[in-house]
Protein backbone atom coordinates (compact mmCIF):
# COMPACT_ATOMS: atom_id res chain seq x y z
CA ILE A 1 -95.54 114.12 149.56
CA LYS A 2 -97.08 112.82 146.19
CA ASN A 3 -100.70 112.53 145.34
CA GLU A 4 -100.72 109.43 143.35
CA GLY A 5 -104.37 109.85 142.78
CA ALA A 6 -105.84 110.14 139.15
CA SER A 7 -108.44 112.86 140.03
CA THR A 8 -109.00 113.69 143.73
CA ASP A 9 -106.99 116.28 145.53
CA LEU A 10 -104.95 114.68 148.66
CA THR A 11 -105.85 116.74 151.39
CA ILE A 12 -103.68 117.44 154.00
CA GLY A 13 -104.41 117.62 158.34
CA THR A 14 -101.90 119.43 160.63
CA ALA A 15 -98.87 117.17 160.37
CA THR A 16 -97.37 116.60 164.17
CA ILE A 17 -94.48 115.01 165.90
CA ILE A 18 -94.90 112.81 168.59
CA GLY A 19 -91.72 111.92 170.59
CA SER A 20 -88.49 113.88 170.73
CA SER A 21 -88.76 117.80 170.95
CA ASP A 22 -84.84 118.04 169.25
CA PHE A 23 -87.44 118.14 166.38
CA THR A 24 -89.50 120.42 164.51
CA ILE A 25 -91.56 121.05 161.34
CA LEU A 26 -89.92 124.44 160.02
CA THR A 27 -92.60 124.24 157.01
CA SER A 28 -95.99 122.82 156.67
CA PRO A 29 -97.39 120.49 154.06
CA PRO A 30 -100.11 122.44 152.19
CA ALA A 31 -103.81 121.97 152.90
CA SER A 32 -104.15 120.41 149.59
CA ILE A 33 -101.99 118.44 146.93
CA MET A 34 -103.89 118.27 143.38
CA ALA A 35 -104.08 114.53 142.03
CA GLY A 36 -100.43 113.64 140.26
CA SER A 37 -98.43 116.49 142.08
CA THR A 38 -95.83 116.66 144.84
CA ALA A 39 -95.50 119.03 147.58
CA ASN A 40 -92.47 119.61 150.06
CA PHE A 41 -92.08 120.58 153.93
CA SER A 42 -89.12 120.54 156.11
CA ILE A 43 -88.04 119.26 159.28
CA GLN A 44 -85.19 120.31 161.62
CA TYR A 45 -83.57 118.09 163.79
CA SER A 46 -81.94 120.95 166.62
CA PRO A 47 -80.30 118.25 169.38
CA SER A 48 -80.51 119.39 173.03
CA SER A 49 -77.71 116.97 174.08
CA SER A 50 -75.62 114.41 172.40
CA GLY A 51 -77.19 110.85 172.09
CA SER A 52 -79.91 109.63 170.33
CA SER A 53 -83.36 110.84 169.75
CA PHE A 54 -86.32 109.26 168.03
CA ALA A 55 -89.87 110.53 166.99
CA THR A 56 -92.51 109.81 164.58
CA ILE A 57 -94.15 112.16 162.19
CA SER A 58 -97.69 111.83 161.70
CA ILE A 59 -100.07 113.73 158.61
CA PRO A 60 -103.43 113.06 158.65
CA ASN A 61 -104.60 112.88 155.34
CA ASN A 62 -108.17 111.63 152.95
CA ASP A 63 -106.41 108.53 152.10
CA ALA A 64 -108.59 105.95 153.25
CA ASN A 65 -105.45 103.54 153.06
CA ASP A 66 -102.65 106.06 154.64
CA SER A 67 -104.35 108.36 157.09
CA PRO A 68 -102.71 109.03 159.19
CA PHE A 69 -99.08 108.55 157.22
CA THR A 70 -96.61 108.13 159.62
CA PHE A 71 -92.87 107.49 159.53
CA ASP A 72 -90.04 107.89 161.71
CA LEU A 73 -87.56 110.59 162.94
CA THR A 74 -83.94 109.54 164.34
CA GLY A 75 -80.98 111.72 164.66
CA THR A 76 -77.90 111.55 166.98
CA GLY A 77 -76.49 114.95 168.51
CA LEU A 78 -72.59 114.96 169.16
CA THR A 79 -70.61 116.83 171.42
CA VAL A 80 -67.92 118.58 170.03
CA ALA A 81 -64.97 119.36 172.42
CA PRO A 82 -64.24 123.17 172.84
CA GLU A 83 -60.79 123.79 171.37
CA ILE A 84 -58.68 126.51 172.84
CA GLU A 85 -55.65 127.85 171.56
CA VAL A 86 -53.99 130.62 173.75
CA LEU A 87 -51.13 132.90 172.13
CA GLY A 88 -48.70 134.97 174.32
CA ASN A 89 -45.21 136.56 174.04
CA ASN A 90 -43.72 134.27 176.93
CA ASP A 91 -43.58 137.21 179.21
CA LEU A 92 -44.68 134.88 182.55
């Protein structure tokens, strides 16, 4: 998140994910970002099944033009077939 303001700190509320529970916030944004500064947060995708997952993240803040700031999350879960290898000595 970048605060492009010249003199006002960006105040951040609690980020929430709306939609698929396959997405979780691992590291939340800080409560405040100084003018001209940036901050990071992280989101994890752990698909519960194969197929597409969709969600929206919402970040409330004190920016009059972009509150809440939202963006879409998408992910595709894949099914990996198990692979079995049997080793023996042909005594059957």
